[in-house]
Amino acid sequence: MERVERTLRRLALSDERYLRSALADPGVSGELDPKTQALIRLGALLSVGASTASLRWTVELAAAAGASDDEMVGVLLAIAPAVGHARVVGVAPHLGLALGYDFELDERS
């Protein structure tokens, strides 16, 4: 059985011991570099409407891994078709604050 199939099977079977072990392994994300991992994590948090504090922590990790503000906003735009307009509008101010921007919501640019 291939590694990918084995991993998916163990996750699907809710193998908690395997999941804990995999998450503790720095190579858990396979071929993904730290910057890509951080951007994916940011996308996941944005998609569920995470708090500004959670976003700020992830933004700091992404920036430390070399991600730019443009790339992080690009993540929000990339998930827009999947999460919908309302979610993007709802989380954009939180991402802005996490990135260190403070803007008026009634200001249209």
C-alpha atoms as a PDB file:
ATOM      1  CA  MET A   1       0.000   0.000   0.000  1.00  0.00           C
ATOM      2  CA  GLU A   2       1.401   3.418  -0.918  1.00  0.00           C
ATOM      3  CA  ARG A   3       2.221   6.018   1.728  1.00  0.00           C
ATOM      4  CA  VAL A   4      -0.529   8.379   0.550  1.00  0.00           C
ATOM      5  CA  GLU A   5      -3.183   5.671   0.636  1.00  0.00           C
ATOM      6  CA  ARG A   6      -1.989   4.438   4.026  1.00  0.00           C
ATOM      7  CA  THR A   7      -2.084   7.967   5.442  1.00  0.00           C
ATOM      8  CA  LEU A   8      -5.573   8.677   4.134  1.00  0.00           C
ATOM      9  CA  ARG A   9      -6.828   5.306   5.370  1.00  0.00           C
ATOM     10  CA  ARG A  10      -5.473   5.918   8.888  1.00  0.00           C
ATOM     11  CA  LEU A  11      -6.973   9.395   8.981  1.00  0.00           C
ATOM     12  CA  ALA A  12     -10.331   8.118   7.701  1.00  0.00           C
ATOM     13  CA  LEU A  13     -10.299   5.463  10.428  1.00  0.00           C
ATOM     14  CA  SER A  14      -9.745   8.192  13.037  1.00  0.00           C
ATOM     15  CA  ASP A  15      -6.408   6.746  14.150  1.00  0.00           C
ATOM     16  CA  GLU A  16      -5.668   9.374  16.804  1.00  0.00           C
ATOM     17  CA  ARG A  17      -2.285   7.913  17.706  1.00  0.00           C
ATOM     18  CA  TYR A  18      -1.213   8.139  14.068  1.00  0.00           C
ATOM     19  CA  LEU A  19      -2.514  11.707  13.755  1.00  0.00           C
ATOM     20  CA  ARG A  20      -0.616  12.839  16.879  1.00  0.00           C
ATOM     21  CA  SER A  21       2.517  11.159  15.577  1.00  0.00           C
ATOM     22  CA  ALA A  22       2.130  12.672  12.101  1.00  0.00           C
ATOM     23  CA  LEU A  23       1.555  16.179  13.462  1.00  0.00           C
ATOM     24  CA  ALA A  24       4.660  15.908  15.629  1.00  0.00           C
ATOM     25  CA  ASP A  25       6.728  15.018  12.550  1.00  0.00           C
ATOM     26  CA  PRO A  26       8.148  18.120  10.811  1.00  0.00           C
ATOM     27  CA  GLY A  27       7.828  16.326   7.474  1.00  0.00           C
ATOM     28  CA  VAL A  28       4.092  15.739   7.961  1.00  0.00           C
ATOM     29  CA  SER A  29       3.127  17.905   5.016  1.00  0.00           C
ATOM     30  CA  GLY A  30       5.193  15.899   2.605  1.00  0.00           C
ATOM     31  CA  GLU A  31       6.498  18.062  -0.168  1.00  0.00           C
ATOM     32  CA  LEU A  32       5.111  21.365   1.155  1.00  0.00           C
ATOM     33  CA  ASP A  33       7.613  23.994   2.212  1.00  0.00           C
ATOM     34  CA  PRO A  34       6.976  26.028   5.415  1.00  0.00           C
ATOM     35  CA  LYS A  35       5.661  29.064   3.499  1.00  0.00           C
ATOM     36  CA  THR A  36       3.123  26.977   1.582  1.00  0.00           C
ATOM     37  CA  GLN A  37       2.068  25.200   4.776  1.00  0.00           C
ATOM     38  CA  ALA A  38       1.495  28.543   6.505  1.00  0.00           C
ATOM     39  CA  LEU A  39      -0.516  29.931   3.574  1.00  0.00           C
ATOM     40  CA  ILE A  40      -2.698  26.814   3.480  1.00  0.00           C
ATOM     41  CA  ARG A  41      -3.239  27.077   7.230  1.00  0.00           C
ATOM     42  CA  LEU A  42      -4.234  30.733   6.752  1.00  0.00           C
ATOM     43  CA  GLY A  43      -6.722  29.729   4.052  1.00  0.00           C
ATOM     44  CA  ALA A  44      -8.254  27.125   6.328  1.00  0.00           C
ATOM     45  CA  LEU A  45      -8.618  29.609   9.176  1.00  0.00           C
ATOM     46  CA  LEU A  46     -10.134  32.230   6.883  1.00  0.00           C
ATOM     47  CA  SER A  47     -12.599  29.692   5.502  1.00  0.00           C
ATOM     48  CA  VAL A  48     -14.002  28.955   8.966  1.00  0.00           C
ATOM     49  CA  GLY A  49     -14.119  32.587  10.089  1.00  0.00           C
ATOM     50  CA  ALA A  50     -11.330  32.341  12.666  1.00  0.00           C
ATOM     51  CA  SER A  51     -10.713  35.109  15.169  1.00  0.00           C
ATOM     52  CA  THR A  52      -8.274  37.945  14.591  1.00  0.00           C
ATOM     53  CA  ALA A  53      -5.972  36.474  17.253  1.00  0.00           C
ATOM     54  CA  SER A  54      -5.765  33.126  15.438  1.00  0.00           C
ATOM     55  CA  LEU A  55      -5.206  34.872  12.133  1.00  0.00           C
ATOM     56  CA  ARG A  56      -2.507  37.105  13.616  1.00  0.00           C
ATOM     57  CA  TRP A  57      -0.560  34.083  14.871  1.00  0.00           C
ATOM     58  CA  THR A  58      -0.781  32.401  11.470  1.00  0.00           C
ATOM     59  CA  VAL A  59       0.084  35.630   9.625  1.00  0.00           C
ATOM     60  CA  GLU A  60       3.221  35.896  11.781  1.00  0.00           C
ATOM     61  CA  LEU A  61       4.165  32.291  10.918  1.00  0.00           C
ATOM     62  CA  ALA A  62       3.577  32.918   7.220  1.00  0.00           C
ATOM     63  CA  ALA A  63       5.599  36.141   7.260  1.00  0.00           C
ATOM     64  CA  ALA A  64       8.432  34.387   9.090  1.00  0.00           C
ATOM     65  CA  ALA A  65       8.375  31.743   6.354  1.00  0.00           C
ATOM     66  CA  GLY A  66       8.685  34.443   3.681  1.00  0.00           C
ATOM     67  CA  ALA A  67       5.077  35.138   2.684  1.00  0.00           C
ATOM     68  CA  SER A  68       4.224  38.699   1.692  1.00  0.00           C
ATOM     69  CA  ASP A  69       1.071  40.619   2.605  1.00  0.00           C
ATOM     70  CA  ASP A  70       0.060  40.384  -1.068  1.00  0.00           C
ATOM     71  CA  GLU A  71       0.323  36.597  -0.954  1.00  0.00           C
ATOM     72  CA  MET A  72      -1.761  36.432   2.217  1.00  0.00           C
ATOM     73  CA  VAL A  73      -4.489  38.601   0.702  1.00  0.00           C
ATOM     74  CA  GLY A  74      -4.190  36.404  -2.387  1.00  0.00           C
ATOM     75  CA  VAL A  75      -5.109  33.436  -0.193  1.00  0.00           C
ATOM     76  CA  LEU A  76      -8.340  35.198   0.779  1.00  0.00           C
ATOM     77  CA  LEU A  77      -9.135  35.865  -2.871  1.00  0.00           C
ATOM     78  CA  ALA A  78      -8.244  32.283  -3.827  1.00  0.00           C
ATOM     79  CA  ILE A  79     -10.707  30.788  -1.334  1.00  0.00           C
ATOM     80  CA  ALA A  80     -13.492  33.225  -2.275  1.00  0.00           C
ATOM     81  CA  PRO A  81     -15.137  30.960  -4.886  1.00  0.00           C
ATOM     82  CA  ALA A  82     -15.274  28.112  -2.371  1.00  0.00           C
ATOM     83  CA  VAL A  83     -16.403  30.028   0.728  1.00  0.00           C
ATOM     84  CA  GLY A  84     -18.564  32.710  -0.836  1.00  0.00           C
ATOM     85  CA  HIS A  85     -18.817  36.466  -0.855  1.00  0.00           C
ATOM     86  CA  ALA A  86     -20.334  36.776   2.632  1.00  0.00           C
ATOM     87  CA  ARG A  87     -17.476  34.862   4.281  1.00  0.00           C
ATOM     88  CA  VAL A  88     -14.831  36.899   2.422  1.00  0.00           C
ATOM     89  CA  VAL A  89     -16.509  40.167   3.451  1.00  0.00           C
ATOM     90  CA  GLY A  90     -16.761  38.910   7.028  1.00  0.00           C
ATOM     91  CA  VAL A  91     -13.140  37.862   7.418  1.00  0.00           C
ATOM     92  CA  ALA A  92     -11.432  40.594   5.374  1.00  0.00           C
ATOM     93  CA  PRO A  93     -11.377  43.054   8.300  1.00  0.00           C
ATOM     94  CA  HIS A  94      -9.941  40.366  10.588  1.00  0.00           C
ATOM     95  CA  LEU A  95      -7.203  39.559   8.104  1.00  0.00           C
ATOM     96  CA  GLY A  96      -6.517  43.284   7.733  1.00  0.00           C
ATOM     97  CA  LEU A  97      -6.106  43.663  11.491  1.00  0.00           C
ATOM     98  CA  ALA A  98      -3.929  40.544  11.647  1.00  0.00           C
ATOM     99  CA  LEU A  99      -1.712  42.082   8.972  1.00  0.00           C
ATOM    100  CA  GLY A 100      -1.491  45.304  10.980  1.00  0.00           C
ATOM    101  CA  TYR A 101      -3.863  47.429   8.907  1.00  0.00           C
ATOM    102  CA  ASP A 102      -6.570  49.488  10.550  1.00  0.00           C
ATOM    103  CA  PHE A 103      -9.192  50.797   8.164  1.00  0.00           C
ATOM    104  CA  GLU A 104     -12.696  52.180   8.273  1.00  0.00           C
ATOM    105  CA  LEU A 105     -15.276  49.717   6.982  1.00  0.00           C
ATOM    106  CA  ASP A 106     -17.331  52.494   5.363  1.00  0.00           C
ATOM    107  CA  GLU A 107     -14.328  53.570   3.259  1.00  0.00           C
ATOM    108  CA  ARG A 108     -14.666  52.248  -0.315  1.00  0.00           C
ATOM    109  CA  SER A 109     -11.504  51.845  -2.405  1.00  0.00           C
END
